PDB file of N, CA and C in Angstrom:
ATOM      1  N   MET A   1     -26.805   0.208-158.476  1.00  0.00           N
ATOM      2  CA  MET A   1     -25.804  -0.917-159.237  1.00  0.00           C
ATOM      3  C   MET A   1     -24.724  -0.585-159.149  1.00  0.00           C
ATOM      4  N   GLN A   2     -23.739  -1.537-158.673  1.00  0.00           N
ATOM      5  CA  GLN A   2     -22.503  -1.842-158.124  1.00  0.00           C
ATOM      6  C   GLN A   2     -21.478  -1.502-159.129  1.00  0.00           C
ATOM      7  N   ARG A   3     -20.194  -1.038-158.632  1.00  0.00           N
ATOM      8  CA  ARG A   3     -19.398  -0.550-159.283  1.00  0.00           C
ATOM      9  C   ARG A   3     -18.759  -1.296-160.526  1.00  0.00           C
ATOM     10  N   ARG A   4     -18.509  -2.672-160.229  1.00  0.00           N
ATOM     11  CA  ARG A   4     -18.460  -3.603-161.607  1.00  0.00           C
ATOM     12  C   ARG A   4     -19.381  -3.948-162.272  1.00  0.00           C
ATOM     13  N   MET A   5     -20.749  -3.824-162.309  1.00  0.00           N
ATOM     14  CA  MET A   5     -21.902  -3.943-162.975  1.00  0.00           C
ATOM     15  C   MET A   5     -21.863  -2.493-163.605  1.00  0.00           C
ATOM     16  N   SER A   6     -21.638  -1.337-163.450  1.00  0.00           N
ATOM     17  CA  SER A   6     -21.566  -0.265-163.903  1.00  0.00           C
ATOM     18  C   SER A   6     -20.548  -0.339-164.475  1.00  0.00           C
ATOM     19  N   ARG A   7     -19.312  -0.776-164.364  1.00  0.00           N
ATOM     20  CA  ARG A   7     -17.965  -0.490-165.099  1.00  0.00           C
ATOM     21  C   ARG A   7     -18.378  -1.292-166.311  1.00  0.00           C
ATOM     22  N   GLU A   8     -19.525  -2.573-166.484  1.00  0.00           N
ATOM     23  CA  GLU A   8     -19.729  -3.709-167.135  1.00  0.00           C
ATOM     24  C   GLU A   8     -20.639  -3.331-168.404  1.00  0.00           C
ATOM     25  N   GLY A   9     -21.775  -2.335-167.927  1.00  0.00           N
ATOM     26  CA  GLY A   9     -22.656  -1.151-168.525  1.00  0.00           C
ATOM     27  C   GLY A   9     -21.812  -0.287-169.007  1.00  0.00           C
ATOM     28  N   LYS A  10     -20.873   0.289-168.620  1.00  0.00           N
ATOM     29  CA  LYS A  10     -19.955   1.372-169.335  1.00  0.00           C
ATOM     30  C   LYS A  10     -19.510   0.763-170.306  1.00  0.00           C
ATOM     31  N   THR A  11     -18.883  -0.563-170.059  1.00  0.00           N
ATOM     32  CA  THR A  11     -18.387  -0.865-171.398  1.00  0.00           C
ATOM     33  C   THR A  11     -18.927  -1.222-172.470  1.00  0.00           C
ATOM     34  N   ILE A  12     -20.147  -2.055-172.021  1.00  0.00           N
ATOM     35  CA  ILE A  12     -20.722  -2.253-173.266  1.00  0.00           C
ATOM     36  C   ILE A  12     -21.312  -1.576-174.079  1.00  0.00           C
ATOM     37  N   LYS A  13     -21.520  -0.097-173.864  1.00  0.00           N
ATOM     38  CA  LYS A  13     -21.847   1.041-174.133  1.00  0.00           C
ATOM     39  C   LYS A  13     -20.853   1.553-175.253  1.00  0.00           C
ATOM     40  N   VAL A  14     -19.679   1.747-174.904  1.00  0.00           N
ATOM     41  CA  VAL A  14     -18.489   2.311-175.349  1.00  0.00           C
ATOM     42  C   VAL A  14     -18.260   1.393-176.646  1.00  0.00           C
ATOM     43  N   MET A  15     -18.222   0.100-176.572  1.00  0.00           N
ATOM     44  CA  MET A  15     -18.161  -0.715-177.262  1.00  0.00           C
ATOM     45  C   MET A  15     -19.633  -0.739-178.809  1.00  0.00           C
ATOM     46  N   ILE A  16     -20.793  -0.463-178.322  1.00  0.00           N
ATOM     47  CA  ILE A  16     -21.770  -0.451-179.254  1.00  0.00           C
ATOM     48  C   ILE A  16     -21.824   0.714-179.729  1.00  0.00           C
ATOM     49  N   ASP A  17     -20.971   1.733-179.232  1.00  0.00           N
ATOM     50  CA  ASP A  17     -21.174   3.177-179.801  1.00  0.00           C
ATOM     51  C   ASP A  17     -20.125   3.060-181.042  1.00  0.00           C
ATOM     52  N   MET A  18     -18.835   2.990-180.442  1.00  0.00           N
ATOM     53  CA  MET A  18     -17.599   2.387-181.438  1.00  0.00           C
ATOM     54  C   MET A  18     -18.327   1.780-182.813  1.00  0.00           C
ATOM     55  N   TYR A  19     -19.012   0.615-182.677  1.00  0.00           N
ATOM     56  CA  TYR A  19     -19.065   0.365-183.565  1.00  0.00           C
ATOM     57  C   TYR A  19     -20.596   0.757-184.878  1.00  0.00           C
ATOM     58  N   CYS A  20     -21.695   1.948-183.927  1.00  0.00           N
ATOM     59  CA  CYS A  20     -22.047   1.983-184.622  1.00  0.00           C
ATOM     60  C   CYS A  20     -21.927   3.109-185.083  1.00  0.00           C
ATOM     61  N   ARG A  21     -20.562   4.456-184.748  1.00  0.00           N
ATOM     62  CA  ARG A  21     -19.966   4.844-185.503  1.00  0.00           C
ATOM     63  C   ARG A  21     -19.284   4.565-186.688  1.00  0.00           C
ATOM     64  N   SER A  22     -18.848   3.242-186.907  1.00  0.00           N
ATOM     65  CA  SER A  22     -17.978   3.109-187.783  1.00  0.00           C
ATOM     66  C   SER A  22     -18.798   2.217-188.825  1.00  0.00           C
ATOM     67  N   HIS A  23     -19.685   1.605-188.612  1.00  0.00           N
ATOM     68  CA  HIS A  23     -20.799   1.053-189.570  1.00  0.00           C
ATOM     69  C   HIS A  23     -21.998   1.823-189.391  1.00  0.00           C
ATOM     70  N   HIS A  24     -22.828   2.617-188.865  1.00  0.00           N
ATOM     71  CA  HIS A  24     -23.870   3.108-189.226  1.00  0.00           C
ATOM     72  C   HIS A  24     -23.350   5.326-189.316  1.00  0.00           C
ATOM     73  N   ARG A  25     -22.345   5.745-189.157  1.00  0.00           N
ATOM     74  CA  ARG A  25     -21.828   6.435-189.358  1.00  0.00           C
ATOM     75  C   ARG A  25     -22.692   7.941-189.082  1.00  0.00           C
ATOM     76  N   GLY A  26     -23.053   7.714-187.532  1.00  0.00           N
ATOM     77  CA  GLY A  26     -24.227   8.774-187.666  1.00  0.00           C
ATOM     78  C   GLY A  26     -23.138   9.377-186.201  1.00  0.00           C
ATOM     79  N   SER A  27     -23.700  10.213-185.359  1.00  0.00           N
ATOM     80  CA  SER A  27     -22.840  11.507-184.350  1.00  0.00           C
ATOM     81  C   SER A  27     -23.707  10.232-182.900  1.00  0.00           C
ATOM     82  N   LYS A  28     -24.660   9.819-183.426  1.00  0.00           N
ATOM     83  CA  LYS A  28     -25.608   9.212-181.855  1.00  0.00           C
ATOM     84  C   LYS A  28     -25.728   7.867-182.914  1.00  0.00           C
ATOM     85  N   LEU A  29     -26.174   6.952-181.321  1.00  0.00           N
ATOM     86  CA  LEU A  29     -26.728   5.657-181.538  1.00  0.00           C
ATOM     87  C   LEU A  29     -28.106   6.029-182.658  1.00  0.00           C
ATOM     88  N   CYS A  30     -27.588   4.571-183.843  1.00  0.00           N
ATOM     89  CA  CYS A  30     -29.074   4.491-184.792  1.00  0.00           C
ATOM     90  C   CYS A  30     -29.596   3.366-183.792  1.00  0.00           C
ATOM     91  N   SER A  31     -31.377   3.480-184.473  1.00  0.00           N
ATOM     92  CA  SER A  31     -31.923   2.618-183.527  1.00  0.00           C
ATOM     93  C   SER A  31     -31.764   1.802-183.392  1.00  0.00           C
ATOM     94  N   GLU A  32     -31.129   0.694-184.516  1.00  0.00           N
ATOM     95  CA  GLU A  32     -30.766  -1.098-184.330  1.00  0.00           C
ATOM     96  C   GLU A  32     -30.023  -1.172-183.186  1.00  0.00           C
ATOM     97  N   CYS A  33     -28.744  -0.061-182.903  1.00  0.00           N
ATOM     98  CA  CYS A  33     -27.817   0.288-182.034  1.00  0.00           C
ATOM     99  C   CYS A  33     -28.579   0.631-180.378  1.00  0.00           C
ATOM    100  N   GLY A  34     -29.101   1.288-180.516  1.00  0.00           N
ATOM    101  CA  GLY A  34     -30.357   1.701-179.516  1.00  0.00           C
ATOM    102  C   GLY A  34     -30.788   0.774-178.584  1.00  0.00           C
ATOM    103  N   GLU A  35     -31.393  -0.209-179.492  1.00  0.00           N
ATOM    104  CA  GLU A  35     -32.454  -1.007-179.117  1.00  0.00           C
ATOM    105  C   GLU A  35     -31.351  -2.692-178.431  1.00  0.00           C
ATOM    106  N   LEU A  36     -30.052  -2.361-179.392  1.00  0.00           N
ATOM    107  CA  LEU A  36     -29.271  -3.460-178.441  1.00  0.00           C
ATOM    108  C   LEU A  36     -28.632  -3.449-177.314  1.00  0.00           C
ATOM    109  N   LEU A  37     -28.428  -1.818-176.923  1.00  0.00           N
ATOM    110  CA  LEU A  37     -27.874  -1.361-175.902  1.00  0.00           C
ATOM    111  C   LEU A  37     -28.904  -1.521-174.477  1.00  0.00           C
ATOM    112  N   ASP A  38     -30.178  -0.960-175.185  1.00  0.00           N
ATOM    113  CA  ASP A  38     -31.245  -1.130-174.323  1.00  0.00           C
ATOM    114  C   ASP A  38     -31.216  -2.448-173.468  1.00  0.00           C
ATOM    115  N   TYR A  39     -31.340  -3.483-174.440  1.00  0.00           N
ATOM    116  CA  TYR A  39     -31.198  -4.948-174.080  1.00  0.00           C
ATOM    117  C   TYR A  39     -30.180  -5.473-173.548  1.00  0.00           C
ATOM    118  N   ALA A  40     -29.157  -5.320-173.713  1.00  0.00           N
ATOM    119  CA  ALA A  40     -27.837  -5.627-173.246  1.00  0.00           C
ATOM    120  C   ALA A  40     -27.961  -5.100-171.511  1.00  0.00           C
ATOM    121  N   LEU A  41     -28.447  -4.134-171.390  1.00  0.00           N
ATOM    122  CA  LEU A  41     -27.951  -3.209-170.325  1.00  0.00           C
ATOM    123  C   LEU A  41     -29.184  -3.775-169.257  1.00  0.00           C
ATOM    124  N   GLU A  42     -30.591  -4.077-170.143  1.00  0.00           N
ATOM    125  CA  GLU A  42     -31.322  -5.019-169.303  1.00  0.00           C
ATOM    126  C   GLU A  42     -30.876  -6.125-168.784  1.00  0.00           C
ATOM    127  N   ARG A  43     -30.480  -7.053-169.598  1.00  0.00           N
ATOM    128  CA  ARG A  43     -29.434  -8.223-169.241  1.00  0.00           C
ATOM    129  C   ARG A  43     -28.473  -8.052-168.391  1.00  0.00           C
ATOM    130  N   LEU A  44     -28.048  -7.139-168.524  1.00  0.00           N
ATOM    131  CA  LEU A  44     -27.053  -6.868-167.375  1.00  0.00           C
ATOM    132  C   LEU A  44     -27.749  -6.735-166.049  1.00  0.00           C
ATOM    133  N   ASN A  45     -28.572  -5.809-165.559  1.00  0.00           N
ATOM    134  CA  ASN A  45     -29.325  -5.768-164.810  1.00  0.00           C
ATOM    135  C   ASN A  45     -30.034  -6.786-163.844  1.00  0.00           C
ATOM    136  N   LYS A  46     -30.560  -7.680-164.768  1.00  0.00           N
ATOM    137  CA  LYS A  46     -30.665  -9.235-164.260  1.00  0.00           C
ATOM    138  C   LYS A  46     -29.840 -10.061-164.006  1.00  0.00           C
ATOM    139  N   CYS A  47     -28.722  -9.921-164.147  1.00  0.00           N
ATOM    140  CA  CYS A  47     -28.081 -11.226-164.250  1.00  0.00           C
ATOM    141  C   CYS A  47     -27.890 -11.525-162.667  1.00  0.00           C
ATOM    142  N   PRO A  48     -28.209 -12.680-162.355  1.00  0.00           N
ATOM    143  CA  PRO A  48     -28.268 -13.543-161.013  1.00  0.00           C
ATOM    144  C   PRO A  48     -26.940 -13.602-160.747  1.00  0.00           C
ATOM    145  N   PHE A  49     -25.472 -13.347-161.240  1.00  0.00           N
ATOM    146  CA  PHE A  49     -24.470 -13.103-160.642  1.00  0.00           C
ATOM    147  C   PHE A  49     -23.998 -11.889-160.336  1.00  0.00           C
ATOM    148  N   GLN A  50     -24.499 -10.713-160.593  1.00  0.00           N
ATOM    149  CA  GLN A  50     -24.546  -9.488-160.517  1.00  0.00           C
ATOM    150  C   GLN A  50     -22.727  -9.276-160.431  1.00  0.00           C
ATOM    151  N   GLU A  51     -22.305  -8.829-159.238  1.00  0.00           N
ATOM    152  CA  GLU A  51     -20.785  -8.184-158.949  1.00  0.00           C
ATOM    153  C   GLU A  51     -19.698  -9.550-159.261  1.00  0.00           C
ATOM    154  N   GLY A  52     -20.448 -10.866-159.096  1.00  0.00           N
ATOM    155  CA  GLY A  52     -19.190 -11.902-159.031  1.00  0.00           C
ATOM    156  C   GLY A  52     -19.519 -12.765-160.184  1.00  0.00           C
ATOM    157  N   LYS A  53     -20.027 -12.283-161.454  1.00  0.00           N
ATOM    158  CA  LYS A  53     -19.881 -12.204-162.604  1.00  0.00           C
ATOM    159  C   LYS A  53     -18.646 -12.298-163.491  1.00  0.00           C
ATOM    160  N   THR A  54     -18.347 -13.472-164.433  1.00  0.00           N
ATOM    161  CA  THR A  54     -17.336 -13.096-165.340  1.00  0.00           C
ATOM    162  C   THR A  54     -18.133 -12.547-166.615  1.00  0.00           C
ATOM    163  N   THR A  55     -17.249 -12.600-167.392  1.00  0.00           N
ATOM    164  CA  THR A  55     -17.737 -11.872-168.707  1.00  0.00           C
ATOM    165  C   THR A  55     -18.765 -12.674-169.404  1.00  0.00           C
ATOM    166  N   CYS A  56     -19.573 -12.576-170.409  1.00  0.00           N
ATOM    167  CA  CYS A  56     -21.245 -12.473-170.579  1.00  0.00           C
ATOM    168  C   CYS A  56     -20.801 -13.643-171.401  1.00  0.00           C
ATOM    169  N   VAL A  57     -19.555 -14.221-172.411  1.00  0.00           N
ATOM    170  CA  VAL A  57     -19.016 -15.037-173.132  1.00  0.00           C
ATOM    171  C   VAL A  57     -18.779 -16.146-172.060  1.00  0.00           C
ATOM    172  N   LYS A  58     -18.181 -16.360-170.870  1.00  0.00           N
ATOM    173  CA  LYS A  58     -18.004 -17.554-170.079  1.00  0.00           C
ATOM    174  C   LYS A  58     -18.861 -18.230-169.303  1.00  0.00           C
ATOM    175  N   CYS A  59     -19.903 -17.095-169.318  1.00  0.00           N
ATOM    176  CA  CYS A  59     -21.044 -17.464-168.300  1.00  0.00           C
ATOM    177  C   CYS A  59     -21.970 -18.797-168.236  1.00  0.00           C
ATOM    178  N   PRO A  60     -22.218 -19.610-167.088  1.00  0.00           N
ATOM    179  CA  PRO A  60     -23.184 -20.459-167.524  1.00  0.00           C
ATOM    180  C   PRO A  60     -24.839 -20.673-167.898  1.00  0.00           C
ATOM    181  N   VAL A  61     -25.239 -19.346-167.740  1.00  0.00           N
ATOM    182  CA  VAL A  61     -26.581 -18.749-167.894  1.00  0.00           C
ATOM    183  C   VAL A  61     -26.581 -17.990-169.180  1.00  0.00           C
ATOM    184  N   HIS A  62     -26.967 -18.434-170.225  1.00  0.00           N
ATOM    185  CA  HIS A  62     -27.081 -17.920-171.265  1.00  0.00           C
ATOM    186  C   HIS A  62     -28.499 -16.895-171.494  1.00  0.00           C
ATOM    187  N   CYS A  63     -28.485 -15.853-171.125  1.00  0.00           N
ATOM    188  CA  CYS A  63     -29.617 -14.764-171.047  1.00  0.00           C
ATOM    189  C   CYS A  63     -30.270 -14.346-172.342  1.00  0.00           C
ATOM    190  N   TYR A  64     -29.286 -14.272-173.221  1.00  0.00           N
ATOM    191  CA  TYR A  64     -29.622 -13.107-174.461  1.00  0.00           C
ATOM    192  C   TYR A  64     -30.154 -14.167-175.399  1.00  0.00           C
ATOM    193  N   LYS A  65     -30.979 -13.716-176.066  1.00  0.00           N
ATOM    194  CA  LYS A  65     -31.724 -14.282-177.073  1.00  0.00           C
ATOM    195  C   LYS A  65     -30.921 -14.516-178.156  1.00  0.00           C
ATOM    196  N   PRO A  66     -30.833 -15.827-178.794  1.00  0.00           N
ATOM    197  CA  PRO A  66     -29.911 -15.872-179.462  1.00  0.00           C
ATOM    198  C   PRO A  66     -29.833 -15.062-180.910  1.00  0.00           C
ATOM    199  N   ALA A  67     -30.525 -14.238-181.417  1.00  0.00           N
ATOM    200  CA  ALA A  67     -30.454 -12.817-182.334  1.00  0.00           C
ATOM    201  C   ALA A  67     -29.540 -12.044-181.800  1.00  0.00           C
ATOM    202  N   MET A  68     -29.982 -11.268-180.654  1.00  0.00           N
ATOM    203  CA  MET A  68     -29.241 -10.354-179.949  1.00  0.00           C
ATOM    204  C   MET A  68     -27.903 -10.915-179.770  1.00  0.00           C
ATOM    205  N   ARG A  69     -27.562 -12.248-179.147  1.00  0.00           N
ATOM    206  CA  ARG A  69     -26.343 -12.577-178.811  1.00  0.00           C
ATOM    207  C   ARG A  69     -25.557 -12.582-180.039  1.00  0.00           C
ATOM    208  N   GLU A  70     -25.485 -12.507-181.225  1.00  0.00           N
ATOM    209  CA  GLU A  70     -25.073 -12.610-182.744  1.00  0.00           C
ATOM    210  C   GLU A  70     -24.597 -11.204-182.700  1.00  0.00           C
ATOM    211  N   LYS A  71     -25.470 -10.327-182.575  1.00  0.00           N
ATOM    212  CA  LYS A  71     -25.517  -9.313-182.654  1.00  0.00           C
ATOM    213  C   LYS A  71     -24.444  -8.201-181.680  1.00  0.00           C
ATOM    214  N   VAL A  72     -24.369  -8.909-180.420  1.00  0.00           N
ATOM    215  CA  VAL A  72     -23.284  -8.651-179.305  1.00  0.00           C
ATOM    216  C   VAL A  72     -22.316  -9.347-180.043  1.00  0.00           C
ATOM    217  N   ARG A  73     -21.824 -10.468-180.385  1.00  0.00           N
ATOM    218  CA  ARG A  73     -20.893 -10.721-180.671  1.00  0.00           C
ATOM    219  C   ARG A  73     -20.168 -10.379-181.985  1.00  0.00           C
ATOM    220  N   VAL A  74     -21.076  -9.952-182.727  1.00  0.00           N
ATOM    221  CA  VAL A  74     -20.324  -9.085-184.036  1.00  0.00           C
ATOM    222  C   VAL A  74     -19.893  -7.332-183.599  1.00  0.00           C
ATOM    223  N   VAL A  75     -20.591  -7.171-182.132  1.00  0.00           N
ATOM    224  CA  VAL A  75     -20.014  -5.646-181.820  1.00  0.00           C
ATOM    225  C   VAL A  75     -18.898  -6.235-181.406  1.00  0.00           C
ATOM    226  N   MET A  76     -18.461  -7.449-180.795  1.00  0.00           N
ATOM    227  CA  MET A  76     -17.259  -7.178-179.930  1.00  0.00           C
ATOM    228  C   MET A  76     -16.034  -7.355-180.754  1.00  0.00           C
ATOM    229  N   ARG A  77     -16.536  -8.322-181.747  1.00  0.00           N
ATOM    230  CA  ARG A  77     -15.489  -8.767-182.789  1.00  0.00           C
ATOM    231  C   ARG A  77     -14.614  -7.296-183.119  1.00  0.00           C
ATOM    232  N   HIS A  78     -15.936  -6.634-183.557  1.00  0.00           N
ATOM    233  CA  HIS A  78     -15.258  -5.080-183.870  1.00  0.00           C
ATOM    234  C   HIS A  78     -14.432  -4.717-182.913  1.00  0.00           C
ATOM    235  N   SER A  79     -15.366  -4.125-181.955  1.00  0.00           N
ATOM    236  CA  SER A  79     -14.662  -3.069-180.958  1.00  0.00           C
ATOM    237  C   SER A  79     -13.722  -3.818-180.101  1.00  0.00           C
ATOM    238  N   GLY A  80     -13.837  -4.551-179.712  1.00  0.00           N
ATOM    239  CA  GLY A  80     -13.173  -5.591-178.916  1.00  0.00           C
ATOM    240  C   GLY A  80     -11.129  -4.952-179.124  1.00  0.00           C
ATOM    241  N   PRO A  81     -11.119  -5.491-180.478  1.00  0.00           N
ATOM    242  CA  PRO A  81      -9.230  -4.943-180.936  1.00  0.00           C
ATOM    243  C   PRO A  81      -9.058  -3.619-180.463  1.00  0.00           C
ATOM    244  N   ARG A  82     -10.299  -2.360-180.859  1.00  0.00           N
ATOM    245  CA  ARG A  82     -10.150  -1.395-180.538  1.00  0.00           C
ATOM    246  C   ARG A  82      -9.938  -0.639-179.086  1.00  0.00           C
ATOM    247  N   MET A  83     -10.875  -1.450-178.619  1.00  0.00           N
ATOM    248  CA  MET A  83     -10.753  -1.388-177.108  1.00  0.00           C
ATOM    249  C   MET A  83      -9.287  -0.503-176.787  1.00  0.00           C
ATOM    250  N   THR A  84      -8.537  -1.655-176.749  1.00  0.00           N
ATOM    251  CA  THR A  84      -7.375  -1.582-176.373  1.00  0.00           C
ATOM    252  C   THR A  84      -6.687  -0.210-176.573  1.00  0.00           C
ATOM    253  N   TYR A  85      -6.830   0.427-177.755  1.00  0.00           N
ATOM    254  CA  TYR A  85      -6.054   1.608-177.790  1.00  0.00           C
ATOM    255  C   TYR A  85      -6.745   2.702-177.457  1.00  0.00           C
ATOM    256  N   ARG A  86      -8.095   2.724-177.679  1.00  0.00           N
ATOM    257  CA  ARG A  86      -9.306   4.037-177.382  1.00  0.00           C
ATOM    258  C   ARG A  86      -9.881   3.939-175.920  1.00  0.00           C
ATOM    259  N   HIS A  87      -9.688   2.466-175.424  1.00  0.00           N
ATOM    260  CA  HIS A  87      -9.890   2.803-173.954  1.00  0.00           C
ATOM    261  C   HIS A  87      -9.278   1.725-173.413  1.00  0.00           C
ATOM    262  N   PRO A  88      -8.147   1.617-173.048  1.00  0.00           N
ATOM    263  CA  PRO A  88      -7.047   0.678-172.275  1.00  0.00           C
ATOM    264  C   PRO A  88      -7.579   0.217-170.535  1.00  0.00           C
ATOM    265  N   ILE A  89      -8.250   1.173-170.280  1.00  0.00           N
ATOM    266  CA  ILE A  89      -8.281   0.823-169.275  1.00  0.00           C
ATOM    267  C   ILE A  89      -9.535  -0.037-168.930  1.00  0.00           C
ATOM    268  N   LEU A  90     -10.766   0.120-169.508  1.00  0.00           N
ATOM    269  CA  LEU A  90     -11.680  -0.129-169.669  1.00  0.00           C
ATOM    270  C   LEU A  90     -11.424  -1.696-169.903  1.00  0.00           C
ATOM    271  N   ALA A  91     -10.678  -1.874-171.617  1.00  0.00           N
ATOM    272  CA  ALA A  91     -10.010  -3.283-171.756  1.00  0.00           C
ATOM    273  C   ALA A  91      -9.471  -4.010-170.811  1.00  0.00           C
ATOM    274  N   LEU A  92      -8.591  -3.529-170.018  1.00  0.00           N
ATOM    275  CA  LEU A  92      -7.642  -4.360-168.850  1.00  0.00           C
ATOM    276  C   LEU A  92      -8.752  -4.957-168.000  1.00  0.00           C
ATOM    277  N   PHE A  93     -10.090  -3.910-167.453  1.00  0.00           N
ATOM    278  CA  PHE A  93     -10.826  -4.525-166.636  1.00  0.00           C
ATOM    279  C   PHE A  93     -11.413  -5.795-167.100  1.00  0.00           C
ATOM    280  N   HIS A  94     -12.256  -5.274-168.467  1.00  0.00           N
ATOM    281  CA  HIS A  94     -12.651  -6.491-169.280  1.00  0.00           C
ATOM    282  C   HIS A  94     -11.531  -7.918-169.272  1.00  0.00           C
ATOM    283  N   PHE A  95     -10.729  -7.694-169.216  1.00  0.00           N
ATOM    284  CA  PHE A  95      -9.629  -8.958-169.492  1.00  0.00           C
ATOM    285  C   PHE A  95      -9.548  -9.292-167.894  1.00  0.00           C
ATOM    286  N   ILE A  96      -9.816  -8.916-167.339  1.00  0.00           N
ATOM    287  CA  ILE A  96      -8.993  -9.204-165.809  1.00  0.00           C
ATOM    288  C   ILE A  96     -10.585  -9.950-165.168  1.00  0.00           C
ATOM    289  N   ASP A  97     -12.214  -9.245-165.527  1.00  0.00           N
ATOM    290  CA  ASP A  97     -12.947 -10.033-165.190  1.00  0.00           C
ATOM    291  C   ASP A  97     -13.243 -11.201-165.791  1.00  0.00           C
ATOM    292  N   GLY A  98     -12.718 -11.502-167.357  1.00  0.00           N
ATOM    293  CA  GLY A  98     -12.778 -12.727-167.800  1.00  0.00           C
ATOM    294  C   GLY A  98     -11.907 -13.671-167.509  1.00  0.00           C
ATOM    295  N   ALA A  99     -11.005 -13.527-166.482  1.00  0.00           N
ATOM    296  CA  ALA A  99      -9.838 -14.500-166.324  1.00  0.00           C
ATOM    297  C   ALA A  99     -10.766 -14.667-164.866  1.00  0.00           C
ATOM    298  N   ARG A 100     -11.706 -14.501-164.786  1.00  0.00           N
ATOM    299  CA  ARG A 100     -12.440 -14.982-163.047  1.00  0.00           C
ATOM    300  C   ARG A 100     -12.944 -16.660-163.508  1.00  0.00           C
ATOM    301  N   LYS A 101     -13.113 -17.128-162.339  1.00  0.00           N
ATOM    302  CA  LYS A 101     -13.572 -18.314-162.516  1.00  0.00           C
ATOM    303  C   LYS A 101     -15.247 -18.554-162.809  1.00  0.00           C
ATOM    304  N   GLU A 102     -15.745 -19.433-163.305  1.00  0.00           N
ATOM    305  CA  GLU A 102     -16.946 -19.451-163.655  1.00  0.00           C
ATOM    306  C   GLU A 102     -17.934 -19.169-162.272  1.00  0.00           C
ATOM    307  N   PRO A 103     -18.864 -18.103-162.168  1.00  0.00           N
ATOM    308  CA  PRO A 103     -19.554 -18.686-161.088  1.00  0.00           C
ATOM    309  C   PRO A 103     -20.544 -19.767-160.386  1.00  0.00           C
ATOM    310  N   VAL A 104     -21.190 -19.907-159.441  1.00  0.00           N
ATOM    311  CA  VAL A 104     -21.863 -20.608-159.538  1.00  0.00           C
ATOM    312  C   VAL A 104     -23.139 -20.352-159.439  1.00  0.00           C
ATOM    313  N   HIS A 105     -24.287 -20.659-159.953  1.00  0.00           N
ATOM    314  CA  HIS A 105     -25.397 -19.874-160.056  1.00  0.00           C
ATOM    315  C   HIS A 105     -25.962 -20.077-158.659  1.00  0.00           C
ATOM    316  N   PRO A 106     -26.985 -18.653-158.101  1.00  0.00           N
ATOM    317  CA  PRO A 106     -27.029 -18.880-156.906  1.00  0.00           C
ATOM    318  C   PRO A 106     -28.487 -19.570-156.336  1.00  0.00           C
ATOM    319  N   ALA A 107     -28.977 -20.412-157.069  1.00  0.00           N
ATOM    320  CA  ALA A 107     -30.139 -21.385-157.031  1.00  0.00           C
ATOM    321  C   ALA A 107     -29.659 -22.508-156.733  1.00  0.00           C
ATOM    322  N   HIS A 108     -27.988 -23.014-157.058  1.00  0.00           N
ATOM    323  CA  HIS A 108     -27.575 -24.127-157.228  1.00  0.00           C
ATOM    324  C   HIS A 108     -26.540 -24.270-155.622  1.00  0.00           C
ATOM    325  N   LYS A 109     -26.414 -23.109-154.922  1.00  0.00           N
ATOM    326  CA  LYS A 109     -25.381 -23.095-153.435  1.00  0.00           C
ATOM    327  C   LYS A 109     -26.304 -23.908-152.807  1.00  0.00           C
TER     328      LYS A 109
END
């Protein structure tokens, strides 16, 4: 995995971990949050844009199942504001990545 994708994976892991600790009160990820993390990392690994991608919310290809997309939205709503204080560098990179232009799908080049 390249640096950008590795950082994206770390960001989603941190966000899910923050959400799970706050809502499910365990020291480790619960099975539901672990499943969500595995799914998110799998989607990230299969992303057709890889290093050139923007944030998933701005992506023209919606590769998440609707139910999983909603779960990630809930996690992001909870963890996003907290990232600024607990993980400011990751939050800054996520903000910068979100400012990227929408990528062109490799099949349409």
